[in-house]
Amino acid sequence: MAQVVLSARALEDIERLREFLLQTAPEVAESLMASVFDALAVLDAHPRIGRRKSGELRELVIGQGRTGYLALYVYDEIREIVRVLRLRHQRDAGYKDC
């Protein structure tokens, strides 16, 4: 099983997402955040589940009904470490400063 590690930028993205949800949809914020963490936890057992983005980069689609989130990550097979680099909403324009 791989170890899932969140980069500093991914942690910032998660905090930004949490703050946004608390402001816009407080009644579902905690359950949505739980679904994001549940999806990221799948990477420990299935590190290759995400679609290939480019080179070593992979992207995990975290669905939330008709919309959702994307997690950009790399998998180091030798060390068995999944490093989540960024997290964004599917409608966002892309990953900034990866």
PDB file of N, CA and C in Angstrom:
ATOM      1  N   MET A   1       0.840  -1.183   0.000  1.00  0.00           N
ATOM      2  CA  MET A   1       0.000   0.000   0.000  1.00  0.00           C
ATOM      3  C   MET A   1       0.880   1.240   0.000  1.00  0.00           C
ATOM      4  N   ALA A   2       0.459   2.195  -0.765  1.00  0.00           N
ATOM      5  CA  ALA A   2       1.206   3.449  -0.865  1.00  0.00           C
ATOM      6  C   ALA A   2       0.819   4.397   0.264  1.00  0.00           C
ATOM      7  N   GLN A   3       1.728   5.275   0.572  1.00  0.00           N
ATOM      8  CA  GLN A   3       1.453   6.329   1.552  1.00  0.00           C
ATOM      9  C   GLN A   3       1.046   7.582   0.783  1.00  0.00           C
ATOM     10  N   VAL A   4      -0.061   8.209   1.188  1.00  0.00           N
ATOM     11  CA  VAL A   4      -0.534   9.434   0.539  1.00  0.00           C
ATOM     12  C   VAL A   4      -0.027  10.632   1.336  1.00  0.00           C
ATOM     13  N   VAL A   5       0.669  11.541   0.639  1.00  0.00           N
ATOM     14  CA  VAL A   5       1.236  12.735   1.258  1.00  0.00           C
ATOM     15  C   VAL A   5       0.673  13.956   0.533  1.00  0.00           C
ATOM     16  N   LEU A   6       0.221  14.931   1.289  1.00  0.00           N
ATOM     17  CA  LEU A   6      -0.297  16.170   0.708  1.00  0.00           C
ATOM     18  C   LEU A   6       0.794  17.231   0.723  1.00  0.00           C
ATOM     19  N   SER A   7       1.035  17.848  -0.421  1.00  0.00           N
ATOM     20  CA  SER A   7       2.016  18.931  -0.485  1.00  0.00           C
ATOM     21  C   SER A   7       1.465  20.154   0.237  1.00  0.00           C
ATOM     22  N   ALA A   8       2.333  21.109   0.505  1.00  0.00           N
ATOM     23  CA  ALA A   8       1.896  22.352   1.154  1.00  0.00           C
ATOM     24  C   ALA A   8       0.846  23.061   0.303  1.00  0.00           C
ATOM     25  N   ARG A   9       1.039  23.049  -0.999  1.00  0.00           N
ATOM     26  CA  ARG A   9       0.063  23.705  -1.889  1.00  0.00           C
ATOM     27  C   ARG A   9      -1.266  22.971  -1.890  1.00  0.00           C
ATOM     28  N   ALA A  10      -1.236  21.654  -1.836  1.00  0.00           N
ATOM     29  CA  ALA A  10      -2.487  20.887  -1.769  1.00  0.00           C
ATOM     30  C   ALA A  10      -3.220  21.200  -0.467  1.00  0.00           C
ATOM     31  N   LEU A  11      -2.476  21.318   0.623  1.00  0.00           N
ATOM     32  CA  LEU A  11      -3.100  21.681   1.902  1.00  0.00           C
ATOM     33  C   LEU A  11      -3.725  23.074   1.830  1.00  0.00           C
ATOM     34  N   GLU A  12      -3.035  24.008   1.168  1.00  0.00           N
ATOM     35  CA  GLU A  12      -3.600  25.353   0.979  1.00  0.00           C
ATOM     36  C   GLU A  12      -4.877  25.285   0.143  1.00  0.00           C
ATOM     37  N   ASP A  13      -4.847  24.461  -0.906  1.00  0.00           N
ATOM     38  CA  ASP A  13      -6.029  24.302  -1.757  1.00  0.00           C
ATOM     39  C   ASP A  13      -7.202  23.740  -0.961  1.00  0.00           C
ATOM     40  N   ILE A  14      -6.926  22.770  -0.113  1.00  0.00           N
ATOM     41  CA  ILE A  14      -7.978  22.159   0.703  1.00  0.00           C
ATOM     42  C   ILE A  14      -8.556  23.178   1.675  1.00  0.00           C
ATOM     43  N   GLU A  15      -7.702  23.969   2.281  1.00  0.00           N
ATOM     44  CA  GLU A  15      -8.190  24.991   3.217  1.00  0.00           C
ATOM     45  C   GLU A  15      -9.019  26.049   2.483  1.00  0.00           C
ATOM     46  N   ARG A  16      -8.561  26.447   1.300  1.00  0.00           N
ATOM     47  CA  ARG A  16      -9.309  27.419   0.495  1.00  0.00           C
ATOM     48  C   ARG A  16     -10.673  26.855   0.111  1.00  0.00           C
ATOM     49  N   LEU A  17     -10.701  25.593  -0.288  1.00  0.00           N
ATOM     50  CA  LEU A  17     -11.960  24.935  -0.643  1.00  0.00           C
ATOM     51  C   LEU A  17     -12.894  24.868   0.560  1.00  0.00           C
ATOM     52  N   ARG A  18     -12.348  24.504   1.700  1.00  0.00           N
ATOM     53  CA  ARG A  18     -13.155  24.406   2.921  1.00  0.00           C
ATOM     54  C   ARG A  18     -13.764  25.762   3.286  1.00  0.00           C
ATOM     55  N   GLU A  19     -12.953  26.805   3.239  1.00  0.00           N
ATOM     56  CA  GLU A  19     -13.448  28.153   3.552  1.00  0.00           C
ATOM     57  C   GLU A  19     -14.539  28.583   2.574  1.00  0.00           C
ATOM     58  N   PHE A  20     -14.331  28.291   1.296  1.00  0.00           N
ATOM     59  CA  PHE A  20     -15.331  28.632   0.284  1.00  0.00           C
ATOM     60  C   PHE A  20     -16.645  27.904   0.566  1.00  0.00           C
ATOM     61  N   LEU A  21     -16.558  26.622   0.852  1.00  0.00           N
ATOM     62  CA  LEU A  21     -17.772  25.842   1.120  1.00  0.00           C
ATOM     63  C   LEU A  21     -18.483  26.325   2.378  1.00  0.00           C
ATOM     64  N   LEU A  22     -17.723  26.675   3.404  1.00  0.00           N
ATOM     65  CA  LEU A  22     -18.350  27.175   4.633  1.00  0.00           C
ATOM     66  C   LEU A  22     -19.101  28.480   4.392  1.00  0.00           C
ATOM     67  N   GLN A  23     -18.621  29.278   3.443  1.00  0.00           N
ATOM     68  CA  GLN A  23     -19.292  30.544   3.124  1.00  0.00           C
ATOM     69  C   GLN A  23     -20.488  30.351   2.201  1.00  0.00           C
ATOM     70  N   THR A  24     -20.360  29.436   1.243  1.00  0.00           N
ATOM     71  CA  THR A  24     -21.398  29.309   0.219  1.00  0.00           C
ATOM     72  C   THR A  24     -22.396  28.188   0.468  1.00  0.00           C
ATOM     73  N   ALA A  25     -21.978  27.144   1.152  1.00  0.00           N
ATOM     74  CA  ALA A  25     -22.862  25.994   1.388  1.00  0.00           C
ATOM     75  C   ALA A  25     -22.532  25.353   2.728  1.00  0.00           C
ATOM     76  N   PRO A  26     -22.702  26.098   3.820  1.00  0.00           N
ATOM     77  CA  PRO A  26     -22.285  25.581   5.125  1.00  0.00           C
ATOM     78  C   PRO A  26     -22.982  24.287   5.531  1.00  0.00           C
ATOM     79  N   GLU A  27     -24.192  24.079   5.033  1.00  0.00           N
ATOM     80  CA  GLU A  27     -24.939  22.883   5.413  1.00  0.00           C
ATOM     81  C   GLU A  27     -24.342  21.595   4.837  1.00  0.00           C
ATOM     82  N   VAL A  28     -23.542  21.714   3.790  1.00  0.00           N
ATOM     83  CA  VAL A  28     -22.940  20.521   3.188  1.00  0.00           C
ATOM     84  C   VAL A  28     -21.409  20.558   3.190  1.00  0.00           C
ATOM     85  N   ALA A  29     -20.831  21.604   3.728  1.00  0.00           N
ATOM     86  CA  ALA A  29     -19.376  21.783   3.669  1.00  0.00           C
ATOM     87  C   ALA A  29     -18.615  20.600   4.257  1.00  0.00           C
ATOM     88  N   GLU A  30     -18.983  20.179   5.442  1.00  0.00           N
ATOM     89  CA  GLU A  30     -18.232  19.093   6.090  1.00  0.00           C
ATOM     90  C   GLU A  30     -18.384  17.770   5.348  1.00  0.00           C
ATOM     91  N   SER A  31     -19.578  17.479   4.834  1.00  0.00           N
ATOM     92  CA  SER A  31     -19.760  16.217   4.107  1.00  0.00           C
ATOM     93  C   SER A  31     -19.001  16.235   2.777  1.00  0.00           C
ATOM     94  N   LEU A  32     -18.952  17.395   2.114  1.00  0.00           N
ATOM     95  CA  LEU A  32     -18.177  17.489   0.878  1.00  0.00           C
ATOM     96  C   LEU A  32     -16.687  17.326   1.151  1.00  0.00           C
ATOM     97  N   MET A  33     -16.211  17.928   2.220  1.00  0.00           N
ATOM     98  CA  MET A  33     -14.795  17.781   2.568  1.00  0.00           C
ATOM     99  C   MET A  33     -14.483  16.328   2.915  1.00  0.00           C
ATOM    100  N   ALA A  34     -15.396  15.661   3.603  1.00  0.00           N
ATOM    101  CA  ALA A  34     -15.198  14.242   3.929  1.00  0.00           C
ATOM    102  C   ALA A  34     -15.099  13.419   2.650  1.00  0.00           C
ATOM    103  N   SER A  35     -15.933  13.740   1.636  1.00  0.00           N
ATOM    104  CA  SER A  35     -15.862  12.992   0.375  1.00  0.00           C
ATOM    105  C   SER A  35     -14.538  13.215  -0.334  1.00  0.00           C
ATOM    106  N   VAL A  36     -14.003  14.431  -0.246  1.00  0.00           N
ATOM    107  CA  VAL A  36     -12.702  14.711  -0.854  1.00  0.00           C
ATOM    108  C   VAL A  36     -11.627  13.861  -0.173  1.00  0.00           C
ATOM    109  N   PHE A  37     -11.615  13.839   1.146  1.00  0.00           N
ATOM    110  CA  PHE A  37     -10.615  13.046   1.868  1.00  0.00           C
ATOM    111  C   PHE A  37     -10.804  11.547   1.637  1.00  0.00           C
ATOM    112  N   ASP A  38     -12.045  11.089   1.542  1.00  0.00           N
ATOM    113  CA  ASP A  38     -12.301   9.674   1.241  1.00  0.00           C
ATOM    114  C   ASP A  38     -11.736   9.307  -0.128  1.00  0.00           C
ATOM    115  N   ALA A  39     -11.934  10.187  -1.104  1.00  0.00           N
ATOM    116  CA  ALA A  39     -11.418   9.931  -2.453  1.00  0.00           C
ATOM    117  C   ALA A  39      -9.892   9.897  -2.457  1.00  0.00           C
ATOM    118  N   LEU A  40      -9.267  10.826  -1.745  1.00  0.00           N
ATOM    119  CA  LEU A  40      -7.803  10.838  -1.678  1.00  0.00           C
ATOM    120  C   LEU A  40      -7.276   9.590  -0.977  1.00  0.00           C
ATOM    121  N   ALA A  41      -8.019   9.082  -0.004  1.00  0.00           N
ATOM    122  CA  ALA A  41      -7.599   7.880   0.724  1.00  0.00           C
ATOM    123  C   ALA A  41      -7.578   6.649  -0.176  1.00  0.00           C
ATOM    124  N   VAL A  42      -8.370   6.647  -1.234  1.00  0.00           N
ATOM    125  CA  VAL A  42      -8.385   5.523  -2.175  1.00  0.00           C
ATOM    126  C   VAL A  42      -7.019   5.357  -2.839  1.00  0.00           C
ATOM    127  N   LEU A  43      -6.280   6.456  -2.942  1.00  0.00           N
ATOM    128  CA  LEU A  43      -4.979   6.414  -3.601  1.00  0.00           C
ATOM    129  C   LEU A  43      -3.981   5.519  -2.879  1.00  0.00           C
ATOM    130  N   ASP A  44      -4.153   5.285  -1.589  1.00  0.00           N
ATOM    131  CA  ASP A  44      -3.191   4.418  -0.896  1.00  0.00           C
ATOM    132  C   ASP A  44      -3.258   2.990  -1.423  1.00  0.00           C
ATOM    133  N   ALA A  45      -4.440   2.497  -1.733  1.00  0.00           N
ATOM    134  CA  ALA A  45      -4.587   1.138  -2.249  1.00  0.00           C
ATOM    135  C   ALA A  45      -4.553   1.085  -3.781  1.00  0.00           C
ATOM    136  N   HIS A  46      -4.912   2.199  -4.419  1.00  0.00           N
ATOM    137  CA  HIS A  46      -5.004   2.229  -5.887  1.00  0.00           C
ATOM    138  C   HIS A  46      -4.314   3.476  -6.444  1.00  0.00           C
ATOM    139  N   PRO A  47      -3.002   3.550  -6.338  1.00  0.00           N
ATOM    140  CA  PRO A  47      -2.294   4.771  -6.734  1.00  0.00           C
ATOM    141  C   PRO A  47      -2.329   5.077  -8.233  1.00  0.00           C
ATOM    142  N   ARG A  48      -2.661   4.098  -9.047  1.00  0.00           N
ATOM    143  CA  ARG A  48      -2.710   4.327 -10.497  1.00  0.00           C
ATOM    144  C   ARG A  48      -4.128   4.589 -10.998  1.00  0.00           C
ATOM    145  N   ILE A  49      -5.068   4.808 -10.089  1.00  0.00           N
ATOM    146  CA  ILE A  49      -6.471   4.971 -10.469  1.00  0.00           C
ATOM    147  C   ILE A  49      -6.718   6.248 -11.272  1.00  0.00           C
ATOM    148  N   GLY A  50      -5.927   7.269 -11.041  1.00  0.00           N
ATOM    149  CA  GLY A  50      -6.121   8.544 -11.739  1.00  0.00           C
ATOM    150  C   GLY A  50      -5.690   8.479 -13.193  1.00  0.00           C
ATOM    151  N   ARG A  51      -6.317   9.319 -13.999  1.00  0.00           N
ATOM    152  CA  ARG A  51      -5.960   9.365 -15.422  1.00  0.00           C
ATOM    153  C   ARG A  51      -4.611  10.059 -15.588  1.00  0.00           C
ATOM    154  N   ARG A  52      -3.870   9.631 -16.607  1.00  0.00           N
ATOM    155  CA  ARG A  52      -2.576  10.257 -16.890  1.00  0.00           C
ATOM    156  C   ARG A  52      -2.801  11.663 -17.411  1.00  0.00           C
ATOM    157  N   LYS A  53      -2.026  12.591 -16.879  1.00  0.00           N
ATOM    158  CA  LYS A  53      -2.126  13.996 -17.297  1.00  0.00           C
ATOM    159  C   LYS A  53      -0.988  14.302 -18.271  1.00  0.00           C
ATOM    160  N   SER A  54       0.247  14.218 -17.797  1.00  0.00           N
ATOM    161  CA  SER A  54       1.428  14.375 -18.643  1.00  0.00           C
ATOM    162  C   SER A  54       2.627  13.882 -17.852  1.00  0.00           C
ATOM    163  N   GLY A  55       3.516  13.193 -18.535  1.00  0.00           N
ATOM    164  CA  GLY A  55       4.676  12.637 -17.843  1.00  0.00           C
ATOM    165  C   GLY A  55       4.255  11.748 -16.692  1.00  0.00           C
ATOM    166  N   GLU A  56       4.741  12.050 -15.517  1.00  0.00           N
ATOM    167  CA  GLU A  56       4.420  11.277 -14.316  1.00  0.00           C
ATOM    168  C   GLU A  56       3.153  11.762 -13.613  1.00  0.00           C
ATOM    169  N   LEU A  57       2.607  12.868 -14.072  1.00  0.00           N
ATOM    170  CA  LEU A  57       1.435  13.449 -13.411  1.00  0.00           C
ATOM    171  C   LEU A  57       0.175  12.647 -13.689  1.00  0.00           C
ATOM    172  N   ARG A  58      -0.632  12.511 -12.661  1.00  0.00           N
ATOM    173  CA  ARG A  58      -1.939  11.866 -12.777  1.00  0.00           C
ATOM    174  C   ARG A  58      -2.976  12.797 -12.176  1.00  0.00           C
ATOM    175  N   GLU A  59      -4.234  12.556 -12.552  1.00  0.00           N
ATOM    176  CA  GLU A  59      -5.316  13.393 -12.070  1.00  0.00           C
ATOM    177  C   GLU A  59      -6.461  12.499 -11.604  1.00  0.00           C
ATOM    178  N   LEU A  60      -6.848  12.681 -10.363  1.00  0.00           N
ATOM    179  CA  LEU A  60      -7.959  11.935  -9.782  1.00  0.00           C
ATOM    180  C   LEU A  60      -9.208  12.791  -9.867  1.00  0.00           C
ATOM    181  N   VAL A  61     -10.264  12.241 -10.453  1.00  0.00           N
ATOM    182  CA  VAL A  61     -11.544  12.937 -10.527  1.00  0.00           C
ATOM    183  C   VAL A  61     -12.330  12.583  -9.274  1.00  0.00           C
ATOM    184  N   ILE A  62     -12.717  13.606  -8.535  1.00  0.00           N
ATOM    185  CA  ILE A  62     -13.488  13.431  -7.304  1.00  0.00           C
ATOM    186  C   ILE A  62     -14.874  13.982  -7.591  1.00  0.00           C
ATOM    187  N   GLY A  63     -15.812  13.105  -7.885  1.00  0.00           N
ATOM    188  CA  GLY A  63     -17.140  13.518  -8.317  1.00  0.00           C
ATOM    189  C   GLY A  63     -18.029  13.983  -7.188  1.00  0.00           C
ATOM    190  N   GLN A  64     -18.813  14.998  -7.491  1.00  0.00           N
ATOM    191  CA  GLN A  64     -19.826  15.528  -6.572  1.00  0.00           C
ATOM    192  C   GLN A  64     -21.060  15.842  -7.405  1.00  0.00           C
ATOM    193  N   GLY A  65     -21.828  14.823  -7.736  1.00  0.00           N
ATOM    194  CA  GLY A  65     -22.997  15.058  -8.574  1.00  0.00           C
ATOM    195  C   GLY A  65     -22.574  15.452  -9.975  1.00  0.00           C
ATOM    196  N   ARG A  66     -23.083  16.580 -10.462  1.00  0.00           N
ATOM    197  CA  ARG A  66     -22.765  17.028 -11.819  1.00  0.00           C
ATOM    198  C   ARG A  66     -21.463  17.812 -11.885  1.00  0.00           C
ATOM    199  N   THR A  67     -20.846  18.006 -10.772  1.00  0.00           N
ATOM    200  CA  THR A  67     -19.591  18.744 -10.736  1.00  0.00           C
ATOM    201  C   THR A  67     -18.695  18.081  -9.694  1.00  0.00           C
ATOM    202  N   GLY A  68     -17.489  18.536  -9.584  1.00  0.00           N
ATOM    203  CA  GLY A  68     -16.602  17.909  -8.615  1.00  0.00           C
ATOM    204  C   GLY A  68     -15.242  18.570  -8.585  1.00  0.00           C
ATOM    205  N   TYR A  69     -14.261  17.804  -8.155  1.00  0.00           N
ATOM    206  CA  TYR A  69     -12.923  18.319  -7.931  1.00  0.00           C
ATOM    207  C   TYR A  69     -11.908  17.433  -8.630  1.00  0.00           C
ATOM    208  N   LEU A  70     -10.718  17.974  -8.815  1.00  0.00           N
ATOM    209  CA  LEU A  70      -9.617  17.255  -9.432  1.00  0.00           C
ATOM    210  C   LEU A  70      -8.405  17.351  -8.520  1.00  0.00           C
ATOM    211  N   ALA A  71      -7.741  16.229  -8.334  1.00  0.00           N
ATOM    212  CA  ALA A  71      -6.510  16.201  -7.546  1.00  0.00           C
ATOM    213  C   ALA A  71      -5.362  15.809  -8.470  1.00  0.00           C
ATOM    214  N   LEU A  72      -4.364  16.657  -8.553  1.00  0.00           N
ATOM    215  CA  LEU A  72      -3.174  16.396  -9.349  1.00  0.00           C
ATOM    216  C   LEU A  72      -2.146  15.728  -8.443  1.00  0.00           C
ATOM    217  N   TYR A  73      -1.586  14.599  -8.898  1.00  0.00           N
ATOM    218  CA  TYR A  73      -0.642  13.882  -8.047  1.00  0.00           C
ATOM    219  C   TYR A  73       0.396  13.120  -8.860  1.00  0.00           C
ATOM    220  N   VAL A  74       1.440  12.695  -8.179  1.00  0.00           N
ATOM    221  CA  VAL A  74       2.458  11.819  -8.761  1.00  0.00           C
ATOM    222  C   VAL A  74       2.593  10.603  -7.857  1.00  0.00           C
ATOM    223  N   TYR A  75       2.923   9.481  -8.485  1.00  0.00           N
ATOM    224  CA  TYR A  75       3.116   8.244  -7.727  1.00  0.00           C
ATOM    225  C   TYR A  75       4.547   7.777  -7.899  1.00  0.00           C
ATOM    226  N   ASP A  76       5.266   7.679  -6.799  1.00  0.00           N
ATOM    227  CA  ASP A  76       6.630   7.159  -6.784  1.00  0.00           C
ATOM    228  C   ASP A  76       6.531   5.672  -6.461  1.00  0.00           C
ATOM    229  N   GLU A  77       6.657   4.840  -7.503  1.00  0.00           N
ATOM    230  CA  GLU A  77       6.489   3.396  -7.326  1.00  0.00           C
ATOM    231  C   GLU A  77       7.570   2.787  -6.443  1.00  0.00           C
ATOM    232  N   ILE A  78       8.774   3.290  -6.533  1.00  0.00           N
ATOM    233  CA  ILE A  78       9.878   2.723  -5.756  1.00  0.00           C
ATOM    234  C   ILE A  78       9.669   2.963  -4.266  1.00  0.00           C
ATOM    235  N   ARG A  79       9.316   4.171  -3.901  1.00  0.00           N
ATOM    236  CA  ARG A  79       9.096   4.506  -2.485  1.00  0.00           C
ATOM    237  C   ARG A  79       7.664   4.231  -2.029  1.00  0.00           C
ATOM    238  N   GLU A  80       6.792   3.938  -2.992  1.00  0.00           N
ATOM    239  CA  GLU A  80       5.365   3.724  -2.723  1.00  0.00           C
ATOM    240  C   GLU A  80       4.751   4.930  -2.007  1.00  0.00           C
ATOM    241  N   ILE A  81       4.958   6.097  -2.622  1.00  0.00           N
ATOM    242  CA  ILE A  81       4.411   7.347  -2.082  1.00  0.00           C
ATOM    243  C   ILE A  81       3.593   8.039  -3.166  1.00  0.00           C
ATOM    244  N   VAL A  82       2.383   8.416  -2.809  1.00  0.00           N
ATOM    245  CA  VAL A  82       1.537   9.245  -3.660  1.00  0.00           C
ATOM    246  C   VAL A  82       1.644  10.655  -3.100  1.00  0.00           C
ATOM    247  N   ARG A  83       2.099  11.573  -3.922  1.00  0.00           N
ATOM    248  CA  ARG A  83       2.219  12.970  -3.486  1.00  0.00           C
ATOM    249  C   ARG A  83       1.158  13.792  -4.209  1.00  0.00           C
ATOM    250  N   VAL A  84       0.170  14.248  -3.450  1.00  0.00           N
ATOM    251  CA  VAL A  84      -0.884  15.088  -4.007  1.00  0.00           C
ATOM    252  C   VAL A  84      -0.325  16.504  -4.090  1.00  0.00           C
ATOM    253  N   LEU A  85      -0.283  17.035  -5.311  1.00  0.00           N
ATOM    254  CA  LEU A  85       0.340  18.334  -5.548  1.00  0.00           C
ATOM    255  C   LEU A  85      -0.646  19.488  -5.444  1.00  0.00           C
ATOM    256  N   ARG A  86      -1.819  19.328  -6.033  1.00  0.00           N
ATOM    257  CA  ARG A  86      -2.823  20.395  -6.053  1.00  0.00           C
ATOM    258  C   ARG A  86      -4.216  19.782  -6.039  1.00  0.00           C
ATOM    259  N   LEU A  87      -5.184  20.604  -5.662  1.00  0.00           N
ATOM    260  CA  LEU A  87      -6.588  20.216  -5.684  1.00  0.00           C
ATOM    261  C   LEU A  87      -7.363  21.421  -6.198  1.00  0.00           C
ATOM    262  N   ARG A  88      -8.286  21.191  -7.122  1.00  0.00           N
ATOM    263  CA  ARG A  88      -9.069  22.303  -7.657  1.00  0.00           C
ATOM    264  C   ARG A  88     -10.455  21.831  -8.052  1.00  0.00           C
ATOM    265  N   HIS A  89     -11.353  22.789  -8.213  1.00  0.00           N
ATOM    266  CA  HIS A  89     -12.689  22.503  -8.715  1.00  0.00           C
ATOM    267  C   HIS A  89     -12.579  22.246 -10.212  1.00  0.00           C
ATOM    268  N   GLN A  90     -13.421  21.370 -10.740  1.00  0.00           N
ATOM    269  CA  GLN A  90     -13.361  21.058 -12.170  1.00  0.00           C
ATOM    270  C   GLN A  90     -13.568  22.281 -13.047  1.00  0.00           C
ATOM    271  N   ARG A  91     -14.297  23.262 -12.561  1.00  0.00           N
ATOM    272  CA  ARG A  91     -14.569  24.452 -13.373  1.00  0.00           C
ATOM    273  C   ARG A  91     -13.455  25.494 -13.299  1.00  0.00           C
ATOM    274  N   ASP A  92     -12.504  25.315 -12.389  1.00  0.00           N
ATOM    275  CA  ASP A  92     -11.379  26.249 -12.315  1.00  0.00           C
ATOM    276  C   ASP A  92     -10.549  26.143 -13.589  1.00  0.00           C
ATOM    277  N   ALA A  93      -9.827  27.188 -13.906  1.00  0.00           N
ATOM    278  CA  ALA A  93      -9.107  27.283 -15.177  1.00  0.00           C
ATOM    279  C   ALA A  93      -7.874  26.396 -15.271  1.00  0.00           C
ATOM    280  N   GLY A  94      -7.414  25.832 -14.215  1.00  0.00           N
ATOM    281  CA  GLY A  94      -6.224  24.990 -14.267  1.00  0.00           C
ATOM    282  C   GLY A  94      -5.463  25.069 -12.967  1.00  0.00           C
ATOM    283  N   TYR A  95      -4.357  24.352 -12.927  1.00  0.00           N
ATOM    284  CA  TYR A  95      -3.530  24.355 -11.725  1.00  0.00           C
ATOM    285  C   TYR A  95      -2.565  25.518 -11.823  1.00  0.00           C
ATOM    286  N   LYS A  96      -2.460  26.272 -10.770  1.00  0.00           N
ATOM    287  CA  LYS A  96      -1.553  27.416 -10.762  1.00  0.00           C
ATOM    288  C   LYS A  96      -0.294  27.049  -9.972  1.00  0.00           C
ATOM    289  N   ASP A  97       0.846  27.335 -10.542  1.00  0.00           N
ATOM    290  CA  ASP A  97       2.124  27.159  -9.836  1.00  0.00           C
ATOM    291  C   ASP A  97       2.308  25.761  -9.272  1.00  0.00           C
ATOM    292  N   CYS A  98       2.263  24.760 -10.114  1.00  0.00           N
ATOM    293  CA  CYS A  98       2.426  23.380  -9.625  1.00  0.00           C
ATOM    294  C   CYS A  98       3.834  23.106  -9.214  1.00  0.00           C
TER     295      CYS A  98
END
